[in-house]
Structures are given as structure tokens and as C-alpha cells.
Amino acid sequence: MQRQRLGQLFEVSRYSLGGGGIGQVWGSTSQREAVKTVNAAYEAGINLFDMAPLYGNGEAEKVMGLAFPDGYPDDVFLTTKCMLGAAHGTDVEGILSTSLQQSLLLLRRDYVDLFILHGYVVPDNWQTNLPEALLSKIAVTFATFNDYVIPAFEKLKQSGRIRAWGVTAASTQVTNLDIINAQRRPDVVQCVTNVLDSAGSMTIAAEQPDPRAVIQQARHRSVGVMGVRAVAAGSLTSGFDRSVAADSREQLDFDRAAPFRSIAAEMGISPAQLAHQYALSMPGVETVVLGVKNREELAECLAAEVAPDLDTSLVARIDAAVRD
């Protein structure tokens, strides 16, 4: 599998294996199958594994530890995350440190290569229709991020418990760009990477999302880009493998993607394979995070990776189909 540098960090495979699938966020699987999926991913050339405590309440991290019982190969890189929410500034360092330590125990490692802020950074005094109870769980203010989160991340780097840090760039566009353009910018951002430009149920802002502008600015600033939601939480597949509400963003995206599925059928491939080929073709994305939960789904993604990149005329046709 091809590899390229993630920002200014290390060489990573075009695919990363995400923890959502093996942590059973995207449908059920067995722990045994999840472990075998991790091993198969590594054997196929994947060397970056993107974990988080929220993926199955620690299950994804546990699977990683079980997959490499004799220790990790030198070329394996690990991420994990922490959801801070509306933590008081003075509590931030302790929360991050405690969460990281719990993750390290499950991962069976004494450091991670990348520690990512899970959730969102939102503008100070942001006016939104989101319930306050929800916002307090998933978002930190820009001031808290600058004054407390960044110093805590940097302290963890100095301690050797993390090598780098990052954020999820799925907030308001101005905040996403301000984070990337700041003097103390992240090493990596995770950014939505799909034909619909949709974060689905991750969306928190009313504005029209523009993740491609975020990706290009990150590239300009030498910030690494990990593409997420390549299949738009299942909306770019043949059908959901879990129950989805009729009025959910995922179902609306699925309906919108009907022409996309028609193009995939015309090409003789699955919509999921085409979605991954599309994500891999997007400029500025250094690795695409897979949400697979078993070896069968992994094999489908691997087929997309070895296929030729989509030519510009086909990309233009796909874009036009989902925007008409």
C-alpha cells in the first residue's frame, strides 16, 4: 500500500483503520473478528490505527491491545482521543491525562503517536440552537482550547506520552480555519472527506459545510489531514447495516446519493468501493480512515485502494450527480 507523510510527522498508509467499526459503532461484530480485521489490515499495509474511548466504551482500544499481544511492530502508529466537553479550564489537563492513561492501559502501550481532541471547538459565546446539555458534552470554547487545551497537549508531548496532537475540524468554518491558521496549530486535523461534503449527524453548525477549503488550508499550513466519513456513515453504501431514523441526516444523505449509487452500478462496483476511491482521489488528504468492522468490508476497501485514481471527468460527473 502506498504511503505518504502525514503533515510534518511520519509516513502513513493511504488508509488508516478506524476504531468505530471494530468498536461496534457501525454495526455488530465479534471481538475475535475485530482482532482478525486489525491483523488483516496490518498485513495489507495499513500502519495507522485511529482509536478513541468512545468507540465501544473502550472496546476498540482493547481490540488493538489484543491484536498485538507481543508488542507493536515499529512501523505501527496509534491515535486515541478525548472528549472534553465544557470542562472548566483548570480541569482540562487532568482530564486529558487521565483519559490518555486509561487508553494506554487498554492499548498496552506507554505512548500514542497522536492524541486528538474528540468533539468540537466552537466560538466563544456561540449562538446556536443546539441544546445546552448536548453542547456541554461535545464542545469546548475557542478560549478554553487556546488557554488550556493546547498547553496541556504540549505538556503531554514533552512528557513523551504523545508524539503529536490534533483536532476534529467539523465545527463552524471560521473556527476550523482559525485553528489551522493559528501560530500554535495542530499537527493533524481530521476532516470530512466524502462526495457529499457531509458530516451527517456530526453536523453542529447551520452554515453550508466546506470541508474541502479546510483540507486545502491545512495542506497550505503543513497540517496533516486524516479524511473521515468516506462513506458518510453508510449513506454512500448499498444500505445501512443498522437502524436509521427516516428523518435523520444519514437517511437524507442516502436519498441524495441515489445518482451516486447508479454510477457505481454502471461501473460494476459497489457504492462503498466508489466512495473510497473518490475519497482517495481528493487532493490534500493524506490518509482515509476506514470504518470497517470485519475482513469482508476491509477487502472491499482494499480493492478501492489498488484501483486507479478516478479521472477528473468521472469526478466531475459524480459531483454534478449529487448536486443536481
C-alpha atoms as a PDB file:
ATOM      1  CA  MET A   1       0.000   0.000   0.000  1.00  0.00           C
ATOM      2  CA  GLN A   2       1.257   3.454  -0.876  1.00  0.00           C
ATOM      3  CA  ARG A   3       2.456   5.672   1.959  1.00  0.00           C
ATOM      4  CA  GLN A   4       2.962   9.386   2.312  1.00  0.00           C
ATOM      5  CA  ARG A   5       3.926  11.807   5.048  1.00  0.00           C
ATOM      6  CA  LEU A   6       1.164  12.900   7.401  1.00  0.00           C
ATOM      7  CA  GLY A   7       1.754  16.636   7.642  1.00  0.00           C
ATOM      8  CA  GLN A   8       5.238  17.009   9.108  1.00  0.00           C
ATOM      9  CA  LEU A   9       5.071  13.773  11.097  1.00  0.00           C
ATOM     10  CA  PHE A  10       5.629  10.217   9.858  1.00  0.00           C
ATOM     11  CA  GLU A  11       4.927   8.104   6.793  1.00  0.00           C
ATOM     12  CA  VAL A  12       1.431   6.606   6.869  1.00  0.00           C
ATOM     13  CA  SER A  13      -0.575   4.326   4.631  1.00  0.00           C
ATOM     14  CA  ARG A  14      -3.257   5.778   2.356  1.00  0.00           C
ATOM     15  CA  TYR A  15      -5.761   4.056   4.612  1.00  0.00           C
ATOM     16  CA  SER A  16      -5.977   4.157   8.389  1.00  0.00           C
ATOM     17  CA  LEU A  17      -8.093   1.675  10.294  1.00  0.00           C
ATOM     18  CA  GLY A  18     -10.628   3.500  12.453  1.00  0.00           C
ATOM     19  CA  GLY A  19     -11.914   2.261  15.775  1.00  0.00           C
ATOM     20  CA  GLY A  20     -15.595   2.877  15.017  1.00  0.00           C
ATOM     21  CA  GLY A  21     -16.074  -0.389  13.160  1.00  0.00           C
ATOM     22  CA  ILE A  22     -14.069  -2.649  15.441  1.00  0.00           C
ATOM     23  CA  GLY A  23     -15.655  -0.871  18.413  1.00  0.00           C
ATOM     24  CA  GLN A  24     -19.098  -1.792  17.025  1.00  0.00           C
ATOM     25  CA  VAL A  25     -20.265   1.781  16.383  1.00  0.00           C
ATOM     26  CA  TRP A  26     -21.162   0.847  12.791  1.00  0.00           C
ATOM     27  CA  GLY A  27     -22.997  -2.403  13.455  1.00  0.00           C
ATOM     28  CA  SER A  28     -22.215  -5.520  15.441  1.00  0.00           C
ATOM     29  CA  THR A  29     -19.194  -7.750  15.111  1.00  0.00           C
ATOM     30  CA  SER A  30     -17.374 -10.133  17.428  1.00  0.00           C
ATOM     31  CA  GLN A  31     -14.213  -9.255  19.280  1.00  0.00           C
ATOM     32  CA  ARG A  32     -12.488 -12.199  17.587  1.00  0.00           C
ATOM     33  CA  GLU A  33     -13.420 -10.889  14.123  1.00  0.00           C
ATOM     34  CA  ALA A  34     -12.384  -7.368  15.099  1.00  0.00           C
ATOM     35  CA  VAL A  35      -8.928  -8.600  16.155  1.00  0.00           C
ATOM     36  CA  LYS A  36      -8.559 -10.527  12.895  1.00  0.00           C
ATOM     37  CA  THR A  37      -9.590  -7.407  10.990  1.00  0.00           C
ATOM     38  CA  VAL A  38      -6.829  -5.398  12.673  1.00  0.00           C
ATOM     39  CA  ASN A  39      -4.276  -8.103  11.816  1.00  0.00           C
ATOM     40  CA  ALA A  40      -5.507  -8.286   8.209  1.00  0.00           C
ATOM     41  CA  ALA A  41      -5.287  -4.503   7.897  1.00  0.00           C
ATOM     42  CA  TYR A  42      -1.669  -4.503   9.051  1.00  0.00           C
ATOM     43  CA  GLU A  43      -0.796  -7.381   6.738  1.00  0.00           C
ATOM     44  CA  ALA A  44      -2.318  -5.392   3.861  1.00  0.00           C
ATOM     45  CA  GLY A  45      -0.012  -2.455   4.613  1.00  0.00           C
ATOM     46  CA  ILE A  46      -2.124  -0.264   6.904  1.00  0.00           C
ATOM     47  CA  ASN A  47       0.097   1.199   9.604  1.00  0.00           C
ATOM     48  CA  LEU A  48      -2.060   3.903  11.260  1.00  0.00           C
ATOM     49  CA  PHE A  49      -4.851   2.904  13.647  1.00  0.00           C
ATOM     50  CA  ASP A  50      -7.286   5.564  14.840  1.00  0.00           C
ATOM     51  CA  MET A  51      -8.838   4.750  18.217  1.00  0.00           C
ATOM     52  CA  ALA A  52     -10.931   6.507  20.887  1.00  0.00           C
ATOM     53  CA  PRO A  53     -12.513   5.606  24.257  1.00  0.00           C
ATOM     54  CA  LEU A  54     -15.967   6.358  22.823  1.00  0.00           C
ATOM     55  CA  TYR A  55     -15.637   3.605  20.224  1.00  0.00           C
ATOM     56  CA  GLY A  56     -17.488   0.885  22.099  1.00  0.00           C
ATOM     57  CA  ASN A  57     -16.681   2.246  25.558  1.00  0.00           C
ATOM     58  CA  GLY A  58     -13.041   1.243  25.197  1.00  0.00           C
ATOM     59  CA  GLU A  59     -13.688  -1.853  23.062  1.00  0.00           C
ATOM     60  CA  ALA A  60     -11.739  -0.593  20.037  1.00  0.00           C
ATOM     61  CA  GLU A  61      -8.687   0.186  22.165  1.00  0.00           C
ATOM     62  CA  LYS A  62      -8.976  -3.216  23.835  1.00  0.00           C
ATOM     63  CA  VAL A  63      -9.076  -4.895  20.412  1.00  0.00           C
ATOM     64  CA  MET A  64      -5.863  -3.115  19.416  1.00  0.00           C
ATOM     65  CA  GLY A  65      -4.112  -4.376  22.522  1.00  0.00           C
ATOM     66  CA  LEU A  66      -5.279  -7.916  21.806  1.00  0.00           C
ATOM     67  CA  ALA A  67      -4.228  -7.745  18.153  1.00  0.00           C
ATOM     68  CA  PHE A  68      -0.566  -7.227  19.037  1.00  0.00           C
ATOM     69  CA  PRO A  69      -0.091  -9.225  22.279  1.00  0.00           C
ATOM     70  CA  ASP A  70       3.691  -9.444  21.842  1.00  0.00           C
ATOM     71  CA  GLY A  71       4.127  -5.731  21.239  1.00  0.00           C
ATOM     72  CA  TYR A  72       3.560  -3.398  18.325  1.00  0.00           C
ATOM     73  CA  PRO A  73       5.748  -3.524  15.199  1.00  0.00           C
ATOM     74  CA  ASP A  74       7.989  -0.497  14.824  1.00  0.00           C
ATOM     75  CA  ASP A  75       6.011   0.836  11.871  1.00  0.00           C
ATOM     76  CA  VAL A  76       2.605   0.838  13.617  1.00  0.00           C
ATOM     77  CA  PHE A  77       1.268   4.257  14.619  1.00  0.00           C
ATOM     78  CA  LEU A  78      -1.604   4.751  17.063  1.00  0.00           C
ATOM     79  CA  THR A  79      -4.012   7.568  17.782  1.00  0.00           C
ATOM     80  CA  THR A  80      -6.513   7.964  20.545  1.00  0.00           C
ATOM     81  CA  LYS A  81      -8.826  10.772  21.585  1.00  0.00           C
ATOM     82  CA  CYS A  82     -10.510  12.513  24.496  1.00  0.00           C
ATOM     83  CA  MET A  83     -13.917  14.213  24.649  1.00  0.00           C
ATOM     84  CA  LEU A  84     -13.587  17.194  26.979  1.00  0.00           C
ATOM     85  CA  GLY A  85     -16.920  18.945  26.638  1.00  0.00           C
ATOM     86  CA  ALA A  86     -17.449  22.021  28.788  1.00  0.00           C
ATOM     87  CA  ALA A  87     -14.731  21.155  31.272  1.00  0.00           C
ATOM     88  CA  HIS A  88     -13.526  24.007  33.469  1.00  0.00           C
ATOM     89  CA  GLY A  89     -10.214  25.287  32.180  1.00  0.00           C
ATOM     90  CA  THR A  90      -8.229  24.285  35.238  1.00  0.00           C
ATOM     91  CA  ASP A  91      -9.571  20.723  34.946  1.00  0.00           C
ATOM     92  CA  VAL A  92      -8.540  20.227  31.332  1.00  0.00           C
ATOM     93  CA  GLU A  93      -5.016  18.956  31.937  1.00  0.00           C
ATOM     94  CA  GLY A  94      -6.165  16.376  34.472  1.00  0.00           C
ATOM     95  CA  ILE A  95      -8.996  15.112  32.279  1.00  0.00           C
ATOM     96  CA  LEU A  96      -6.740  14.720  29.251  1.00  0.00           C
ATOM     97  CA  SER A  97      -4.036  12.999  31.272  1.00  0.00           C
ATOM     98  CA  THR A  98      -6.433  10.574  32.972  1.00  0.00           C
ATOM     99  CA  SER A  99      -8.195   9.703  29.725  1.00  0.00           C
ATOM    100  CA  LEU A 100      -4.876   9.110  27.986  1.00  0.00           C
ATOM    101  CA  GLN A 101      -3.654   6.842  30.780  1.00  0.00           C
ATOM    102  CA  GLN A 102      -6.802   4.718  30.593  1.00  0.00           C
ATOM    103  CA  SER A 103      -6.396   4.436  26.828  1.00  0.00           C
ATOM    104  CA  LEU A 104      -2.744   3.439  27.141  1.00  0.00           C
ATOM    105  CA  LEU A 105      -3.657   0.625  29.515  1.00  0.00           C
ATOM    106  CA  LEU A 106      -6.168  -0.794  27.035  1.00  0.00           C
ATOM    107  CA  LEU A 107      -3.836  -0.290  24.080  1.00  0.00           C
ATOM    108  CA  ARG A 108      -0.978  -1.939  26.026  1.00  0.00           C
ATOM    109  CA  ARG A 109       1.424   0.835  25.142  1.00  0.00           C
ATOM    110  CA  ASP A 110       3.168   3.598  27.063  1.00  0.00           C
ATOM    111  CA  TYR A 111       2.594   6.343  24.461  1.00  0.00           C
ATOM    112  CA  VAL A 112       0.472   7.197  21.418  1.00  0.00           C
ATOM    113  CA  ASP A 113       1.703   8.842  18.270  1.00  0.00           C
ATOM    114  CA  LEU A 114      -1.263  11.199  18.027  1.00  0.00           C
ATOM    115  CA  PHE A 115      -3.712  12.434  20.688  1.00  0.00           C
ATOM    116  CA  ILE A 116      -6.810  14.066  19.228  1.00  0.00           C
ATOM    117  CA  LEU A 117      -9.414  16.308  20.808  1.00  0.00           C
ATOM    118  CA  HIS A 118     -12.676  14.437  20.257  1.00  0.00           C
ATOM    119  CA  GLY A 119     -15.639  16.695  19.619  1.00  0.00           C
ATOM    120  CA  TYR A 120     -15.652  20.324  18.577  1.00  0.00           C
ATOM    121  CA  VAL A 121     -14.028  23.671  19.231  1.00  0.00           C
ATOM    122  CA  VAL A 122     -16.718  26.354  18.982  1.00  0.00           C
ATOM    123  CA  PRO A 123     -16.586  30.149  19.006  1.00  0.00           C
ATOM    124  CA  ASP A 124     -16.739  31.915  22.352  1.00  0.00           C
ATOM    125  CA  ASN A 125     -20.312  32.962  23.234  1.00  0.00           C
ATOM    126  CA  TRP A 126     -21.560  30.999  20.234  1.00  0.00           C
ATOM    127  CA  GLN A 127     -25.258  31.401  19.494  1.00  0.00           C
ATOM    128  CA  THR A 128     -26.753  28.048  18.492  1.00  0.00           C
ATOM    129  CA  ASN A 129     -29.990  26.108  18.599  1.00  0.00           C
ATOM    130  CA  LEU A 130     -28.256  23.031  19.980  1.00  0.00           C
ATOM    131  CA  PRO A 131     -29.428  22.019  23.465  1.00  0.00           C
ATOM    132  CA  GLU A 132     -27.058  23.292  26.134  1.00  0.00           C
ATOM    133  CA  ALA A 133     -26.883  19.829  27.707  1.00  0.00           C
ATOM    134  CA  LEU A 134     -25.589  18.384  24.435  1.00  0.00           C
ATOM    135  CA  LEU A 135     -23.182  21.220  23.717  1.00  0.00           C
ATOM    136  CA  SER A 136     -21.649  20.903  27.173  1.00  0.00           C
ATOM    137  CA  LYS A 137     -20.731  17.282  26.388  1.00  0.00           C
ATOM    138  CA  ILE A 138     -19.230  17.693  22.943  1.00  0.00           C
ATOM    139  CA  ALA A 139     -17.713  21.169  22.625  1.00  0.00           C
ATOM    140  CA  VAL A 140     -15.049  23.380  24.160  1.00  0.00           C
ATOM    141  CA  THR A 141     -14.842  27.115  23.551  1.00  0.00           C
ATOM    142  CA  PHE A 142     -12.093  28.624  21.462  1.00  0.00           C
ATOM    143  CA  ALA A 143     -10.731  30.437  24.523  1.00  0.00           C
ATOM    144  CA  THR A 144     -10.546  27.225  26.552  1.00  0.00           C
ATOM    145  CA  PHE A 145      -8.885  25.483  23.631  1.00  0.00           C
ATOM    146  CA  ASN A 146      -6.188  28.150  23.338  1.00  0.00           C
ATOM    147  CA  ASP A 147      -5.621  28.814  27.032  1.00  0.00           C
ATOM    148  CA  TYR A 148      -5.828  25.284  28.426  1.00  0.00           C
ATOM    149  CA  VAL A 149      -6.113  22.510  25.816  1.00  0.00           C
ATOM    150  CA  ILE A 150      -3.103  23.439  23.705  1.00  0.00           C
ATOM    151  CA  PRO A 151      -0.792  23.881  26.742  1.00  0.00           C
ATOM    152  CA  ALA A 152      -1.962  20.514  28.099  1.00  0.00           C
ATOM    153  CA  PHE A 153      -1.269  18.811  24.768  1.00  0.00           C
ATOM    154  CA  GLU A 154       2.177  20.390  24.601  1.00  0.00           C
ATOM    155  CA  LYS A 155       2.950  19.248  28.133  1.00  0.00           C
ATOM    156  CA  LEU A 156       1.973  15.681  27.202  1.00  0.00           C
ATOM    157  CA  LYS A 157       4.323  15.898  24.222  1.00  0.00           C
ATOM    158  CA  GLN A 158       7.159  16.990  26.476  1.00  0.00           C
ATOM    159  CA  SER A 159       6.452  14.054  28.786  1.00  0.00           C
ATOM    160  CA  GLY A 160       6.795  11.586  25.911  1.00  0.00           C
ATOM    161  CA  ARG A 161       3.280  10.167  26.369  1.00  0.00           C
ATOM    162  CA  ILE A 162       2.194  11.578  22.996  1.00  0.00           C
ATOM    163  CA  ARG A 163       4.209  12.449  19.914  1.00  0.00           C
ATOM    164  CA  ALA A 164       1.748  14.890  18.360  1.00  0.00           C
ATOM    165  CA  TRP A 165      -1.790  16.231  18.748  1.00  0.00           C
ATOM    166  CA  GLY A 166      -4.767  17.059  16.599  1.00  0.00           C
ATOM    167  CA  VAL A 167      -8.395  18.156  16.426  1.00  0.00           C
ATOM    168  CA  THR A 168     -11.587  17.267  14.594  1.00  0.00           C
ATOM    169  CA  ALA A 169     -12.254  20.079  12.111  1.00  0.00           C
ATOM    170  CA  ALA A 170     -16.037  19.777  11.906  1.00  0.00           C
ATOM    171  CA  SER A 171     -17.149  22.901  13.754  1.00  0.00           C
ATOM    172  CA  THR A 172     -18.032  26.290  12.293  1.00  0.00           C
ATOM    173  CA  GLN A 173     -15.936  27.127   9.254  1.00  0.00           C
ATOM    174  CA  VAL A 174     -14.362  30.186  10.847  1.00  0.00           C
ATOM    175  CA  THR A 175     -13.275  28.130  13.861  1.00  0.00           C
ATOM    176  CA  ASN A 176     -11.889  25.310  11.719  1.00  0.00           C
ATOM    177  CA  LEU A 177      -9.779  27.781   9.760  1.00  0.00           C
ATOM    178  CA  ASP A 178      -8.719  29.806  12.801  1.00  0.00           C
ATOM    179  CA  ILE A 179      -7.355  26.643  14.430  1.00  0.00           C
ATOM    180  CA  ILE A 180      -5.336  25.754  11.336  1.00  0.00           C
ATOM    181  CA  ASN A 181      -4.039  29.299  10.811  1.00  0.00           C
ATOM    182  CA  ALA A 182      -3.036  29.900  14.434  1.00  0.00           C
ATOM    183  CA  GLN A 183       0.597  30.167  15.460  1.00  0.00           C
ATOM    184  CA  ARG A 184       0.139  27.158  17.770  1.00  0.00           C
ATOM    185  CA  ARG A 185      -1.619  24.930  15.277  1.00  0.00           C
ATOM    186  CA  PRO A 186      -2.338  21.199  15.493  1.00  0.00           C
ATOM    187  CA  ASP A 187      -0.092  18.625  13.868  1.00  0.00           C
ATOM    188  CA  VAL A 188      -3.124  16.932  12.303  1.00  0.00           C
ATOM    189  CA  VAL A 189      -6.804  17.607  11.643  1.00  0.00           C
ATOM    190  CA  GLN A 190      -9.494  15.044  10.982  1.00  0.00           C
ATOM    191  CA  CYS A 191     -11.814  16.335   8.293  1.00  0.00           C
ATOM    192  CA  VAL A 192     -14.905  15.071   6.493  1.00  0.00           C
ATOM    193  CA  THR A 193     -13.887  13.518   3.181  1.00  0.00           C
ATOM    194  CA  ASN A 194     -16.776  12.381   1.005  1.00  0.00           C
ATOM    195  CA  VAL A 195     -18.545  13.293  -2.220  1.00  0.00           C
ATOM    196  CA  LEU A 196     -21.465  14.851  -0.310  1.00  0.00           C
ATOM    197  CA  ASP A 197     -19.206  17.021   1.897  1.00  0.00           C
ATOM    198  CA  SER A 198     -21.497  15.823   4.662  1.00  0.00           C
ATOM    199  CA  ALA A 199     -20.740  15.189   8.312  1.00  0.00           C
ATOM    200  CA  GLY A 200     -24.209  13.708   8.756  1.00  0.00           C
ATOM    201  CA  SER A 201     -25.230  13.597  12.391  1.00  0.00           C
ATOM    202  CA  MET A 202     -21.846  15.098  13.331  1.00  0.00           C
ATOM    203  CA  THR A 203     -23.028  18.432  11.934  1.00  0.00           C
ATOM    204  CA  ILE A 204     -23.441  21.146  14.559  1.00  0.00           C
ATOM    205  CA  ALA A 205     -23.419  24.380  12.509  1.00  0.00           C
ATOM    206  CA  ALA A 206     -26.278  25.690  10.369  1.00  0.00           C
ATOM    207  CA  GLU A 207     -23.926  27.006   7.685  1.00  0.00           C
ATOM    208  CA  GLN A 208     -23.203  25.094   4.478  1.00  0.00           C
ATOM    209  CA  PRO A 209     -20.135  22.949   5.227  1.00  0.00           C
ATOM    210  CA  ASP A 210     -16.979  23.415   3.188  1.00  0.00           C
ATOM    211  CA  PRO A 211     -14.534  20.735   4.350  1.00  0.00           C
ATOM    212  CA  ARG A 212     -12.551  20.978   1.121  1.00  0.00           C
ATOM    213  CA  ALA A 213     -11.498  24.531   1.985  1.00  0.00           C
ATOM    214  CA  VAL A 214     -10.358  23.288   5.394  1.00  0.00           C
ATOM    215  CA  ILE A 215      -8.359  20.491   3.776  1.00  0.00           C
ATOM    216  CA  GLN A 216      -6.634  22.853   1.374  1.00  0.00           C
ATOM    217  CA  GLN A 217      -5.771  25.348   4.102  1.00  0.00           C
ATOM    218  CA  ALA A 218      -4.371  22.532   6.227  1.00  0.00           C
ATOM    219  CA  ARG A 219      -2.249  21.464   3.291  1.00  0.00           C
ATOM    220  CA  HIS A 220      -1.014  25.067   2.890  1.00  0.00           C
ATOM    221  CA  ARG A 221      -0.044  25.156   6.577  1.00  0.00           C
ATOM    222  CA  SER A 222       1.626  21.706   6.501  1.00  0.00           C
ATOM    223  CA  VAL A 223      -1.003  20.333   8.884  1.00  0.00           C
ATOM    224  CA  GLY A 224      -1.688  16.652   8.274  1.00  0.00           C
ATOM    225  CA  VAL A 225      -5.162  15.629   7.083  1.00  0.00           C
ATOM    226  CA  MET A 226      -6.913  12.422   8.066  1.00  0.00           C
ATOM    227  CA  GLY A 227     -10.069  12.010   5.997  1.00  0.00           C
ATOM    228  CA  VAL A 228     -13.090  10.689   7.888  1.00  0.00           C
ATOM    229  CA  ARG A 229     -16.604   9.593   6.927  1.00  0.00           C
ATOM    230  CA  ALA A 230     -15.658   8.435   3.435  1.00  0.00           C
ATOM    231  CA  VAL A 231     -18.967   6.551   3.150  1.00  0.00           C
ATOM    232  CA  ALA A 232     -20.869   9.283   5.037  1.00  0.00           C
ATOM    233  CA  ALA A 233     -21.805   6.984   7.921  1.00  0.00           C
ATOM    234  CA  GLY A 234     -23.299   4.477   5.484  1.00  0.00           C
ATOM    235  CA  SER A 235     -25.136   6.948   3.248  1.00  0.00           C
ATOM    236  CA  LEU A 236     -22.789   6.135   0.361  1.00  0.00           C
ATOM    237  CA  THR A 237     -23.235   2.370   0.629  1.00  0.00           C
ATOM    238  CA  SER A 238     -25.853  -0.011  -0.751  1.00  0.00           C
ATOM    239  CA  GLY A 239     -27.800   0.131   2.511  1.00  0.00           C
ATOM    240  CA  PHE A 240     -27.438   0.757   6.224  1.00  0.00           C
ATOM    241  CA  ASP A 241     -26.334  -2.068   8.490  1.00  0.00           C
ATOM    242  CA  ARG A 242     -28.103  -0.512  11.464  1.00  0.00           C
ATOM    243  CA  SER A 243     -31.412   1.207  12.189  1.00  0.00           C
ATOM    244  CA  VAL A 244     -31.546   4.791  10.912  1.00  0.00           C
ATOM    245  CA  ALA A 245     -34.406   7.222  11.544  1.00  0.00           C
ATOM    246  CA  ALA A 246     -36.348   8.307   8.471  1.00  0.00           C
ATOM    247  CA  ASP A 247     -35.689  11.984   9.208  1.00  0.00           C
ATOM    248  CA  SER A 248     -32.022  11.567  10.140  1.00  0.00           C
ATOM    249  CA  ARG A 249     -29.242  13.349   8.287  1.00  0.00           C
ATOM    250  CA  GLU A 250     -27.879   9.958   7.258  1.00  0.00           C
ATOM    251  CA  GLN A 251     -31.160   8.930   5.635  1.00  0.00           C
ATOM    252  CA  LEU A 252     -31.431  12.284   3.867  1.00  0.00           C
ATOM    253  CA  ASP A 253     -27.874  11.831   2.601  1.00  0.00           C
ATOM    254  CA  PHE A 254     -28.692   8.288   1.489  1.00  0.00           C
ATOM    255  CA  ASP A 255     -31.620   9.578  -0.571  1.00  0.00           C
ATOM    256  CA  ARG A 256     -29.491  12.328  -2.043  1.00  0.00           C
ATOM    257  CA  ALA A 257     -26.863   9.771  -3.071  1.00  0.00           C
ATOM    258  CA  ALA A 258     -29.191   7.725  -5.312  1.00  0.00           C
ATOM    259  CA  PRO A 259     -27.479   9.006  -8.502  1.00  0.00           C
ATOM    260  CA  PHE A 260     -24.115   8.117  -6.970  1.00  0.00           C
ATOM    261  CA  ARG A 261     -25.243   4.515  -6.487  1.00  0.00           C
ATOM    262  CA  SER A 262     -26.417   4.440 -10.100  1.00  0.00           C
ATOM    263  CA  ILE A 263     -22.942   5.457 -11.284  1.00  0.00           C
ATOM    264  CA  ALA A 264     -21.364   2.745  -9.120  1.00  0.00           C
ATOM    265  CA  ALA A 265     -23.728   0.148 -10.603  1.00  0.00           C
ATOM    266  CA  GLU A 266     -22.845   1.334 -14.105  1.00  0.00           C
ATOM    267  CA  MET A 267     -19.151   0.853 -13.248  1.00  0.00           C
ATOM    268  CA  GLY A 268     -19.838  -2.627 -11.866  1.00  0.00           C
ATOM    269  CA  ILE A 269     -18.587  -1.862  -8.362  1.00  0.00           C
ATOM    270  CA  SER A 270     -20.257  -1.291  -5.011  1.00  0.00           C
ATOM    271  CA  PRO A 271     -21.141   2.230  -3.862  1.00  0.00           C
ATOM    272  CA  ALA A 272     -18.791   1.770  -0.897  1.00  0.00           C
ATOM    273  CA  GLN A 273     -15.863   0.984  -3.186  1.00  0.00           C
ATOM    274  CA  LEU A 274     -16.602   4.029  -5.331  1.00  0.00           C
ATOM    275  CA  ALA A 275     -16.927   6.196  -2.210  1.00  0.00           C
ATOM    276  CA  HIS A 276     -13.482   5.106  -1.045  1.00  0.00           C
ATOM    277  CA  GLN A 277     -11.964   5.605  -4.495  1.00  0.00           C
ATOM    278  CA  TYR A 278     -13.446   9.105  -4.509  1.00  0.00           C
ATOM    279  CA  ALA A 279     -12.038   9.901  -1.044  1.00  0.00           C
ATOM    280  CA  LEU A 280      -8.595   8.618  -2.022  1.00  0.00           C
ATOM    281  CA  SER A 281      -8.708  10.901  -5.074  1.00  0.00           C
ATOM    282  CA  MET A 282      -9.347  14.056  -3.069  1.00  0.00           C
ATOM    283  CA  PRO A 283      -6.279  16.345  -3.079  1.00  0.00           C
ATOM    284  CA  GLY A 284      -4.751  17.182   0.274  1.00  0.00           C
ATOM    285  CA  VAL A 285      -6.000  14.085   2.113  1.00  0.00           C
ATOM    286  CA  GLU A 286      -3.025  12.034   3.266  1.00  0.00           C
ATOM    287  CA  THR A 287      -4.868   9.090   4.762  1.00  0.00           C
ATOM    288  CA  VAL A 288      -8.514   7.969   4.713  1.00  0.00           C
ATOM    289  CA  VAL A 289      -9.860   6.455   7.927  1.00  0.00           C
ATOM    290  CA  LEU A 290     -11.857   3.264   7.400  1.00  0.00           C
ATOM    291  CA  GLY A 291     -14.905   2.457   9.497  1.00  0.00           C
ATOM    292  CA  VAL A 292     -14.931  -1.261   8.690  1.00  0.00           C
ATOM    293  CA  LYS A 293     -15.914  -3.881  11.273  1.00  0.00           C
ATOM    294  CA  ASN A 294     -14.855  -7.113   9.582  1.00  0.00           C
ATOM    295  CA  ARG A 295     -12.475  -8.554   6.993  1.00  0.00           C
ATOM    296  CA  GLU A 296     -15.117  -8.626   4.287  1.00  0.00           C
ATOM    297  CA  GLU A 297     -15.654  -4.866   4.481  1.00  0.00           C
ATOM    298  CA  LEU A 298     -11.889  -4.348   4.684  1.00  0.00           C
ATOM    299  CA  ALA A 299     -11.373  -6.326   1.472  1.00  0.00           C
ATOM    300  CA  GLU A 300     -13.835  -4.080  -0.340  1.00  0.00           C
ATOM    301  CA  CYS A 301     -11.883  -1.014   0.742  1.00  0.00           C
ATOM    302  CA  LEU A 302      -8.572  -2.580  -0.253  1.00  0.00           C
ATOM    303  CA  ALA A 303      -9.955  -3.125  -3.751  1.00  0.00           C
ATOM    304  CA  ALA A 304     -10.602   0.602  -3.970  1.00  0.00           C
ATOM    305  CA  GLU A 305      -7.038   1.401  -2.897  1.00  0.00           C
ATOM    306  CA  VAL A 306      -5.410  -0.689  -5.631  1.00  0.00           C
ATOM    307  CA  ALA A 307      -7.778   0.630  -8.309  1.00  0.00           C
ATOM    308  CA  PRO A 308      -6.589   3.561 -10.437  1.00  0.00           C
ATOM    309  CA  ASP A 309      -7.445   7.024  -9.133  1.00  0.00           C
ATOM    310  CA  LEU A 310     -10.672   8.385 -10.551  1.00  0.00           C
ATOM    311  CA  ASP A 311     -10.079  10.590 -13.582  1.00  0.00           C
ATOM    312  CA  THR A 312     -11.169  14.200 -13.431  1.00  0.00           C
ATOM    313  CA  SER A 313     -14.081  13.754 -15.840  1.00  0.00           C
ATOM    314  CA  LEU A 314     -15.596  10.990 -13.712  1.00  0.00           C
ATOM    315  CA  VAL A 315     -15.117  13.025 -10.544  1.00  0.00           C
ATOM    316  CA  ALA A 316     -16.887  15.953 -12.217  1.00  0.00           C
ATOM    317  CA  ARG A 317     -19.747  13.684 -13.270  1.00  0.00           C
ATOM    318  CA  ILE A 318     -20.135  12.301  -9.751  1.00  0.00           C
ATOM    319  CA  ASP A 319     -20.064  15.785  -8.244  1.00  0.00           C
ATOM    320  CA  ALA A 320     -22.699  17.001 -10.645  1.00  0.00           C
ATOM    321  CA  ALA A 321     -24.924  13.974  -9.981  1.00  0.00           C
ATOM    322  CA  VAL A 322     -25.193  14.571  -6.241  1.00  0.00           C
ATOM    323  CA  ARG A 323     -25.566  18.336  -6.556  1.00  0.00           C
ATOM    324  CA  ASP A 324     -28.331  18.462  -9.185  1.00  0.00           C
END
